[in-house]
Amino acid sequence: MVQRSTYHRRLPTNTASNRTRLSRTPGNRIVYLYTKKVGKAPKSLCGVCPGRLRGVRAVGPKVLLRLCKTKKHVSRAYGGSTCAKCVCL
């Protein structure tokens, strides 16, 4: 028979704050592990380019405070705020 799993927290519905993944424990049980929300990388300041900036970590604002400087920007002029294509123009 298939082992059943239940949520540990009070929220019983499948919402964005209640995302989980299945994990097997050393005791051969299957349990839910709650995953963190994924952040979004910043957009370019030019407003023309549709995508997100490359080379910048896609994390939330609280995690961004704890990151080192090299993971928050790119080492060129306007790195971390404007994409490389728009800097060349």
PDB file of N, CA and C in Angstrom:
ATOM      1  N   MET A   1       0.831  -1.185   0.000  1.00  0.00           N
ATOM      2  CA  MET A   1       0.000   0.000   0.000  1.00  0.00           C
ATOM      3  C   MET A   1       0.879   1.253   0.000  1.00  0.00           C
ATOM      4  N   VAL A   2       0.386   2.300  -0.617  1.00  0.00           N
ATOM      5  CA  VAL A   2       1.131   3.550  -0.716  1.00  0.00           C
ATOM      6  C   VAL A   2       1.104   4.281   0.618  1.00  0.00           C
ATOM      7  N   GLN A   3       2.276   4.791   1.005  1.00  0.00           N
ATOM      8  CA  GLN A   3       2.328   5.540   2.257  1.00  0.00           C
ATOM      9  C   GLN A   3       1.723   6.918   2.056  1.00  0.00           C
ATOM     10  N   ARG A   4       0.892   7.348   2.979  1.00  0.00           N
ATOM     11  CA  ARG A   4       0.238   8.647   2.873  1.00  0.00           C
ATOM     12  C   ARG A   4       1.015   9.682   3.654  1.00  0.00           C
ATOM     13  N   SER A   5       0.966  10.915   3.173  1.00  0.00           N
ATOM     14  CA  SER A   5       1.656  12.010   3.848  1.00  0.00           C
ATOM     15  C   SER A   5       0.659  13.092   4.180  1.00  0.00           C
ATOM     16  N   THR A   6       0.879  13.773   5.284  1.00  0.00           N
ATOM     17  CA  THR A   6       0.015  14.878   5.685  1.00  0.00           C
ATOM     18  C   THR A   6       0.866  16.114   5.902  1.00  0.00           C
ATOM     19  N   TYR A   7       0.228  17.273   5.737  1.00  0.00           N
ATOM     20  CA  TYR A   7       0.913  18.537   5.993  1.00  0.00           C
ATOM     21  C   TYR A   7       1.227  18.663   7.481  1.00  0.00           C
ATOM     22  N   HIS A   8       2.335  19.319   7.809  1.00  0.00           N
ATOM     23  CA  HIS A   8       2.687  19.539   9.207  1.00  0.00           C
ATOM     24  C   HIS A   8       2.117  20.845   9.727  1.00  0.00           C
ATOM     25  N   ARG A   9       1.974  21.820   8.844  1.00  0.00           N
ATOM     26  CA  ARG A   9       1.501  23.131   9.264  1.00  0.00           C
ATOM     27  C   ARG A   9      -0.022  23.175   9.231  1.00  0.00           C
ATOM     28  N   ARG A  10      -0.564  24.274   9.711  1.00  0.00           N
ATOM     29  CA  ARG A  10      -2.019  24.379   9.813  1.00  0.00           C
ATOM     30  C   ARG A  10      -2.714  24.589   8.468  1.00  0.00           C
ATOM     31  N   LEU A  11      -2.002  25.157   7.501  1.00  0.00           N
ATOM     32  CA  LEU A  11      -2.612  25.495   6.217  1.00  0.00           C
ATOM     33  C   LEU A  11      -2.821  24.228   5.384  1.00  0.00           C
ATOM     34  N   PRO A  12      -4.071  23.817   5.122  1.00  0.00           N
ATOM     35  CA  PRO A  12      -4.298  22.542   4.449  1.00  0.00           C
ATOM     36  C   PRO A  12      -4.398  22.633   2.927  1.00  0.00           C
ATOM     37  N   THR A  13      -4.282  23.830   2.344  1.00  0.00           N
ATOM     38  CA  THR A  13      -4.504  23.977   0.910  1.00  0.00           C
ATOM     39  C   THR A  13      -3.190  24.187   0.173  1.00  0.00           C
ATOM     40  N   ASN A  14      -3.218  23.932  -1.121  1.00  0.00           N
ATOM     41  CA  ASN A  14      -2.025  24.035  -1.962  1.00  0.00           C
ATOM     42  C   ASN A  14      -1.872  25.474  -2.443  1.00  0.00           C
ATOM     43  N   THR A  15      -1.294  26.309  -1.610  1.00  0.00           N
ATOM     44  CA  THR A  15      -1.099  27.716  -1.954  1.00  0.00           C
ATOM     45  C   THR A  15       0.386  27.986  -2.169  1.00  0.00           C
ATOM     46  N   ALA A  16       0.714  29.219  -2.574  1.00  0.00           N
ATOM     47  CA  ALA A  16       2.106  29.577  -2.861  1.00  0.00           C
ATOM     48  C   ALA A  16       2.975  29.525  -1.616  1.00  0.00           C
ATOM     49  N   SER A  17       2.400  29.793  -0.453  1.00  0.00           N
ATOM     50  CA  SER A  17       3.187  29.769   0.778  1.00  0.00           C
ATOM     51  C   SER A  17       3.244  28.375   1.398  1.00  0.00           C
ATOM     52  N   ASN A  18       2.592  27.402   0.774  1.00  0.00           N
ATOM     53  CA  ASN A  18       2.519  26.054   1.346  1.00  0.00           C
ATOM     54  C   ASN A  18       3.108  25.003   0.398  1.00  0.00           C
ATOM     55  N   ARG A  19       4.041  25.404  -0.466  1.00  0.00           N
ATOM     56  CA  ARG A  19       4.629  24.474  -1.425  1.00  0.00           C
ATOM     57  C   ARG A  19       5.524  23.463  -0.710  1.00  0.00           C
ATOM     58  N   THR A  20       5.451  22.224  -1.150  1.00  0.00           N
ATOM     59  CA  THR A  20       6.226  21.171  -0.509  1.00  0.00           C
ATOM     60  C   THR A  20       6.870  20.278  -1.557  1.00  0.00           C
ATOM     61  N   ARG A  21       7.812  19.456  -1.092  1.00  0.00           N
ATOM     62  CA  ARG A  21       8.363  18.385  -1.923  1.00  0.00           C
ATOM     63  C   ARG A  21       8.480  17.147  -1.053  1.00  0.00           C
ATOM     64  N   LEU A  22       8.448  15.993  -1.678  1.00  0.00           N
ATOM     65  CA  LEU A  22       8.536  14.737  -0.939  1.00  0.00           C
ATOM     66  C   LEU A  22       9.994  14.360  -0.722  1.00  0.00           C
ATOM     67  N   SER A  23      10.293  13.827   0.443  1.00  0.00           N
ATOM     68  CA  SER A  23      11.647  13.410   0.769  1.00  0.00           C
ATOM     69  C   SER A  23      11.589  12.107   1.557  1.00  0.00           C
ATOM     70  N   ARG A  24      12.568  11.247   1.308  1.00  0.00           N
ATOM     71  CA  ARG A  24      12.631   9.977   2.022  1.00  0.00           C
ATOM     72  C   ARG A  24      13.624  10.096   3.171  1.00  0.00           C
ATOM     73  N   THR A  25      13.197   9.733   4.360  1.00  0.00           N
ATOM     74  CA  THR A  25      14.033   9.831   5.553  1.00  0.00           C
ATOM     75  C   THR A  25      14.919   8.594   5.687  1.00  0.00           C
ATOM     76  N   PRO A  26      15.952   8.643   6.539  1.00  0.00           N
ATOM     77  CA  PRO A  26      16.769   7.446   6.771  1.00  0.00           C
ATOM     78  C   PRO A  26      15.965   6.275   7.339  1.00  0.00           C
ATOM     79  N   GLY A  27      14.850   6.552   7.993  1.00  0.00           N
ATOM     80  CA  GLY A  27      13.986   5.491   8.504  1.00  0.00           C
ATOM     81  C   GLY A  27      13.020   4.967   7.469  1.00  0.00           C
ATOM     82  N   ASN A  28      13.223   5.336   6.202  1.00  0.00           N
ATOM     83  CA  ASN A  28      12.437   4.876   5.055  1.00  0.00           C
ATOM     84  C   ASN A  28      10.991   5.345   5.106  1.00  0.00           C
ATOM     85  N   ARG A  29      10.773   6.533   5.661  1.00  0.00           N
ATOM     86  CA  ARG A  29       9.447   7.143   5.605  1.00  0.00           C
ATOM     87  C   ARG A  29       9.471   8.241   4.553  1.00  0.00           C
ATOM     88  N   ILE A  30       8.329   8.560   3.993  1.00  0.00           N
ATOM     89  CA  ILE A  30       8.212   9.669   3.057  1.00  0.00           C
ATOM     90  C   ILE A  30       7.525  10.816   3.779  1.00  0.00           C
ATOM     91  N   VAL A  31       8.187  11.974   3.807  1.00  0.00           N
ATOM     92  CA  VAL A  31       7.649  13.136   4.515  1.00  0.00           C
ATOM     93  C   VAL A  31       7.653  14.336   3.573  1.00  0.00           C
ATOM     94  N   TYR A  32       6.851  15.338   3.919  1.00  0.00           N
ATOM     95  CA  TYR A  32       6.838  16.595   3.188  1.00  0.00           C
ATOM     96  C   TYR A  32       7.929  17.506   3.719  1.00  0.00           C
ATOM     97  N   LEU A  33       8.682  18.134   2.824  1.00  0.00           N
ATOM     98  CA  LEU A  33       9.610  19.198   3.187  1.00  0.00           C
ATOM     99  C   LEU A  33       9.083  20.483   2.570  1.00  0.00           C
ATOM    100  N   TYR A  34       8.956  21.515   3.370  1.00  0.00           N
ATOM    101  CA  TYR A  34       8.451  22.789   2.875  1.00  0.00           C
ATOM    102  C   TYR A  34       9.560  23.524   2.139  1.00  0.00           C
ATOM    103  N   THR A  35       9.263  23.973   0.926  1.00  0.00           N
ATOM    104  CA  THR A  35      10.253  24.671   0.113  1.00  0.00           C
ATOM    105  C   THR A  35      10.065  26.173   0.252  1.00  0.00           C
ATOM    106  N   LYS A  36      11.142  26.897   0.026  1.00  0.00           N
ATOM    107  CA  LYS A  36      11.082  28.348   0.113  1.00  0.00           C
ATOM    108  C   LYS A  36      10.587  28.914  -1.210  1.00  0.00           C
ATOM    109  N   LYS A  37      10.031  30.111  -1.165  1.00  0.00           N
ATOM    110  CA  LYS A  37       9.601  30.770  -2.386  1.00  0.00           C
ATOM    111  C   LYS A  37      10.828  31.208  -3.180  1.00  0.00           C
ATOM    112  N   VAL A  38      10.749  31.084  -4.485  1.00  0.00           N
ATOM    113  CA  VAL A  38      11.854  31.533  -5.319  1.00  0.00           C
ATOM    114  C   VAL A  38      11.636  32.998  -5.666  1.00  0.00           C
ATOM    115  N   GLY A  39      12.701  33.764  -5.627  1.00  0.00           N
ATOM    116  CA  GLY A  39      12.612  35.180  -5.955  1.00  0.00           C
ATOM    117  C   GLY A  39      12.742  35.396  -7.451  1.00  0.00           C
ATOM    118  N   LYS A  40      12.732  36.657  -7.844  1.00  0.00           N
ATOM    119  CA  LYS A  40      12.906  37.013  -9.244  1.00  0.00           C
ATOM    120  C   LYS A  40      14.121  37.916  -9.367  1.00  0.00           C
ATOM    121  N   ALA A  41      14.872  37.718 -10.445  1.00  0.00           N
ATOM    122  CA  ALA A  41      16.011  38.591 -10.706  1.00  0.00           C
ATOM    123  C   ALA A  41      15.479  39.956 -11.130  1.00  0.00           C
ATOM    124  N   PRO A  42      16.223  41.037 -10.869  1.00  0.00           N
ATOM    125  CA  PRO A  42      15.733  42.366 -11.228  1.00  0.00           C
ATOM    126  C   PRO A  42      15.662  42.570 -12.732  1.00  0.00           C
ATOM    127  N   LYS A  43      14.784  43.476 -13.148  1.00  0.00           N
ATOM    128  CA  LYS A  43      14.666  43.835 -14.554  1.00  0.00           C
ATOM    129  C   LYS A  43      15.626  44.967 -14.876  1.00  0.00           C
ATOM    130  N   SER A  44      15.844  45.196 -16.164  1.00  0.00           N
ATOM    131  CA  SER A  44      16.729  46.269 -16.591  1.00  0.00           C
ATOM    132  C   SER A  44      16.048  47.620 -16.406  1.00  0.00           C
ATOM    133  N   LEU A  45      16.841  48.641 -16.068  1.00  0.00           N
ATOM    134  CA  LEU A  45      16.288  49.976 -15.844  1.00  0.00           C
ATOM    135  C   LEU A  45      15.846  50.659 -17.127  1.00  0.00           C
ATOM    136  N   CYS A  46      16.338  50.192 -18.287  1.00  0.00           N
ATOM    137  CA  CYS A  46      15.993  50.868 -19.538  1.00  0.00           C
ATOM    138  C   CYS A  46      14.509  50.724 -19.851  1.00  0.00           C
ATOM    139  N   GLY A  47      13.887  49.635 -19.427  1.00  0.00           N
ATOM    140  CA  GLY A  47      12.466  49.442 -19.671  1.00  0.00           C
ATOM    141  C   GLY A  47      12.150  48.889 -21.040  1.00  0.00           C
ATOM    142  N   VAL A  48      13.150  48.751 -21.902  1.00  0.00           N
ATOM    143  CA  VAL A  48      12.924  48.256 -23.256  1.00  0.00           C
ATOM    144  C   VAL A  48      13.085  46.740 -23.310  1.00  0.00           C
ATOM    145  N   CYS A  49      14.100  46.229 -22.650  1.00  0.00           N
ATOM    146  CA  CYS A  49      14.388  44.795 -22.692  1.00  0.00           C
ATOM    147  C   CYS A  49      13.362  44.029 -21.860  1.00  0.00           C
ATOM    148  N   PRO A  50      12.797  42.943 -22.407  1.00  0.00           N
ATOM    149  CA  PRO A  50      11.728  42.236 -21.694  1.00  0.00           C
ATOM    150  C   PRO A  50      12.214  41.304 -20.593  1.00  0.00           C
ATOM    151  N   GLY A  51      13.437  40.798 -20.700  1.00  0.00           N
ATOM    152  CA  GLY A  51      13.892  39.766 -19.776  1.00  0.00           C
ATOM    153  C   GLY A  51      14.446  40.304 -18.474  1.00  0.00           C
ATOM    154  N   ARG A  52      14.980  39.382 -17.676  1.00  0.00           N
ATOM    155  CA  ARG A  52      15.594  39.722 -16.395  1.00  0.00           C
ATOM    156  C   ARG A  52      17.104  39.824 -16.579  1.00  0.00           C
ATOM    157  N   LEU A  53      17.761  40.468 -15.623  1.00  0.00           N
ATOM    158  CA  LEU A  53      19.206  40.649 -15.705  1.00  0.00           C
ATOM    159  C   LEU A  53      19.937  39.338 -15.455  1.00  0.00           C
ATOM    160  N   ARG A  54      20.966  39.080 -16.263  1.00  0.00           N
ATOM    161  CA  ARG A  54      21.799  37.901 -16.079  1.00  0.00           C
ATOM    162  C   ARG A  54      22.928  38.228 -15.108  1.00  0.00           C
ATOM    163  N   GLY A  55      23.359  37.245 -14.353  1.00  0.00           N
ATOM    164  CA  GLY A  55      24.473  37.423 -13.443  1.00  0.00           C
ATOM    165  C   GLY A  55      24.088  37.930 -12.074  1.00  0.00           C
ATOM    166  N   VAL A  56      22.795  38.171 -11.839  1.00  0.00           N
ATOM    167  CA  VAL A  56      22.322  38.641 -10.541  1.00  0.00           C
ATOM    168  C   VAL A  56      21.466  37.535  -9.941  1.00  0.00           C
ATOM    169  N   ARG A  57      21.697  37.205  -8.683  1.00  0.00           N
ATOM    170  CA  ARG A  57      20.963  36.124  -8.035  1.00  0.00           C
ATOM    171  C   ARG A  57      19.480  36.457  -7.935  1.00  0.00           C
ATOM    172  N   ALA A  58      18.639  35.475  -8.210  1.00  0.00           N
ATOM    173  CA  ALA A  58      17.193  35.647  -8.133  1.00  0.00           C
ATOM    174  C   ALA A  58      16.722  35.208  -6.759  1.00  0.00           C
ATOM    175  N   VAL A  59      16.721  36.129  -5.809  1.00  0.00           N
ATOM    176  CA  VAL A  59      16.309  35.825  -4.442  1.00  0.00           C
ATOM    177  C   VAL A  59      15.381  36.926  -3.948  1.00  0.00           C
ATOM    178  N   GLY A  60      14.750  36.677  -2.818  1.00  0.00           N
ATOM    179  CA  GLY A  60      13.863  37.661  -2.214  1.00  0.00           C
ATOM    180  C   GLY A  60      14.641  38.768  -1.521  1.00  0.00           C
ATOM    181  N   PRO A  61      13.953  39.815  -1.076  1.00  0.00           N
ATOM    182  CA  PRO A  61      14.636  40.968  -0.497  1.00  0.00           C
ATOM    183  C   PRO A  61      15.372  40.677   0.805  1.00  0.00           C
ATOM    184  N   LYS A  62      14.871  39.754   1.622  1.00  0.00           N
ATOM    185  CA  LYS A  62      15.561  39.453   2.880  1.00  0.00           C
ATOM    186  C   LYS A  62      16.867  38.714   2.637  1.00  0.00           C
ATOM    187  N   VAL A  63      16.869  37.812   1.667  1.00  0.00           N
ATOM    188  CA  VAL A  63      18.086  37.073   1.347  1.00  0.00           C
ATOM    189  C   VAL A  63      19.084  37.985   0.641  1.00  0.00           C
ATOM    190  N   LEU A  64      18.573  38.945  -0.129  1.00  0.00           N
ATOM    191  CA  LEU A  64      19.427  39.870  -0.870  1.00  0.00           C
ATOM    192  C   LEU A  64      20.275  40.722   0.065  1.00  0.00           C
ATOM    193  N   LEU A  65      19.767  41.024   1.254  1.00  0.00           N
ATOM    194  CA  LEU A  65      20.535  41.800   2.228  1.00  0.00           C
ATOM    195  C   LEU A  65      21.767  41.041   2.706  1.00  0.00           C
ATOM    196  N   ARG A  66      21.684  39.725   2.782  1.00  0.00           N
ATOM    197  CA  ARG A  66      22.782  38.920   3.303  1.00  0.00           C
ATOM    198  C   ARG A  66      23.771  38.466   2.236  1.00  0.00           C
ATOM    199  N   LEU A  67      23.457  38.698   0.955  1.00  0.00           N
ATOM    200  CA  LEU A  67      24.362  38.271  -0.108  1.00  0.00           C
ATOM    201  C   LEU A  67      25.574  39.191  -0.192  1.00  0.00           C
ATOM    202  N   CYS A  68      26.684  38.641  -0.667  1.00  0.00           N
ATOM    203  CA  CYS A  68      27.860  39.478  -0.862  1.00  0.00           C
ATOM    204  C   CYS A  68      27.694  40.295  -2.144  1.00  0.00           C
ATOM    205  N   LYS A  69      28.560  41.294  -2.301  1.00  0.00           N
ATOM    206  CA  LYS A  69      28.421  42.261  -3.387  1.00  0.00           C
ATOM    207  C   LYS A  69      28.585  41.616  -4.763  1.00  0.00           C
ATOM    208  N   THR A  70      29.435  40.592  -4.867  1.00  0.00           N
ATOM    209  CA  THR A  70      29.693  39.989  -6.172  1.00  0.00           C
ATOM    210  C   THR A  70      28.500  39.214  -6.708  1.00  0.00           C
ATOM    211  N   LYS A  71      27.569  38.833  -5.838  1.00  0.00           N
ATOM    212  CA  LYS A  71      26.390  38.097  -6.293  1.00  0.00           C
ATOM    213  C   LYS A  71      25.206  39.014  -6.568  1.00  0.00           C
ATOM    214  N   LYS A  72      25.374  40.322  -6.297  1.00  0.00           N
ATOM    215  CA  LYS A  72      24.282  41.263  -6.511  1.00  0.00           C
ATOM    216  C   LYS A  72      24.481  42.152  -7.728  1.00  0.00           C
ATOM    217  N   HIS A  73      25.657  42.094  -8.352  1.00  0.00           N
ATOM    218  CA  HIS A  73      25.887  42.935  -9.523  1.00  0.00           C
ATOM    219  C   HIS A  73      26.878  42.251 -10.452  1.00  0.00           C
ATOM    220  N   VAL A  74      27.051  42.835 -11.649  1.00  0.00           N
ATOM    221  CA  VAL A  74      27.985  42.334 -12.640  1.00  0.00           C
ATOM    222  C   VAL A  74      29.119  43.346 -12.738  1.00  0.00           C
ATOM    223  N   SER A  75      30.348  42.875 -12.943  1.00  0.00           N
ATOM    224  CA  SER A  75      31.500  43.781 -12.911  1.00  0.00           C
ATOM    225  C   SER A  75      31.697  44.484 -14.252  1.00  0.00           C
ATOM    226  N   ARG A  76      30.854  45.438 -14.551  1.00  0.00           N
ATOM    227  CA  ARG A  76      31.011  46.353 -15.682  1.00  0.00           C
ATOM    228  C   ARG A  76      30.205  47.597 -15.370  1.00  0.00           C
ATOM    229  N   ALA A  77      30.264  48.570 -16.238  1.00  0.00           N
ATOM    230  CA  ALA A  77      29.527  49.812 -16.023  1.00  0.00           C
ATOM    231  C   ALA A  77      28.033  49.516 -16.014  1.00  0.00           C
ATOM    232  N   TYR A  78      27.331  50.063 -15.062  1.00  0.00           N
ATOM    233  CA  TYR A  78      25.893  49.862 -14.865  1.00  0.00           C
ATOM    234  C   TYR A  78      25.542  48.394 -14.627  1.00  0.00           C
ATOM    235  N   GLY A  79      26.478  47.612 -14.109  1.00  0.00           N
ATOM    236  CA  GLY A  79      26.231  46.195 -13.843  1.00  0.00           C
ATOM    237  C   GLY A  79      25.242  46.015 -12.707  1.00  0.00           C
ATOM    238  N   GLY A  80      24.241  45.181 -12.906  1.00  0.00           N
ATOM    239  CA  GLY A  80      23.232  44.945 -11.885  1.00  0.00           C
ATOM    240  C   GLY A  80      22.020  45.833 -12.006  1.00  0.00           C
ATOM    241  N   SER A  81      22.069  46.834 -12.905  1.00  0.00           N
ATOM    242  CA  SER A  81      20.897  47.686 -13.084  1.00  0.00           C
ATOM    243  C   SER A  81      20.463  47.767 -14.543  1.00  0.00           C
ATOM    244  N   THR A  82      21.413  47.687 -15.476  1.00  0.00           N
ATOM    245  CA  THR A  82      21.101  47.775 -16.897  1.00  0.00           C
ATOM    246  C   THR A  82      21.742  46.588 -17.608  1.00  0.00           C
ATOM    247  N   CYS A  83      21.053  46.053 -18.606  1.00  0.00           N
ATOM    248  CA  CYS A  83      21.585  44.890 -19.315  1.00  0.00           C
ATOM    249  C   CYS A  83      22.735  45.307 -20.235  1.00  0.00           C
ATOM    250  N   ALA A  84      23.561  44.339 -20.621  1.00  0.00           N
ATOM    251  CA  ALA A  84      24.759  44.619 -21.408  1.00  0.00           C
ATOM    252  C   ALA A  84      24.420  45.175 -22.783  1.00  0.00           C
ATOM    253  N   LYS A  85      23.307  44.739 -23.348  1.00  0.00           N
ATOM    254  CA  LYS A  85      22.926  45.195 -24.678  1.00  0.00           C
ATOM    255  C   LYS A  85      22.597  46.686 -24.677  1.00  0.00           C
ATOM    256  N   CYS A  86      21.934  47.147 -23.616  1.00  0.00           N
ATOM    257  CA  CYS A  86      21.547  48.555 -23.551  1.00  0.00           C
ATOM    258  C   CYS A  86      22.726  49.462 -23.191  1.00  0.00           C
ATOM    259  N   VAL A  87      23.730  48.931 -22.493  1.00  0.00           N
ATOM    260  CA  VAL A  87      24.917  49.731 -22.180  1.00  0.00           C
ATOM    261  C   VAL A  87      25.713  49.996 -23.452  1.00  0.00           C
ATOM    262  N   CYS A  88      25.741  49.026 -24.369  1.00  0.00           N
ATOM    263  CA  CYS A  88      26.495  49.189 -25.616  1.00  0.00           C
ATOM    264  C   CYS A  88      25.851  50.200 -26.546  1.00  0.00           C
ATOM    265  N   LEU A  89      24.551  50.416 -26.421  1.00  0.00           N
ATOM    266  CA  LEU A  89      23.862  51.350 -27.329  1.00  0.00           C
ATOM    267  C   LEU A  89      24.193  52.790 -27.041  1.00  0.00           C
TER     268      LEU A  89
END
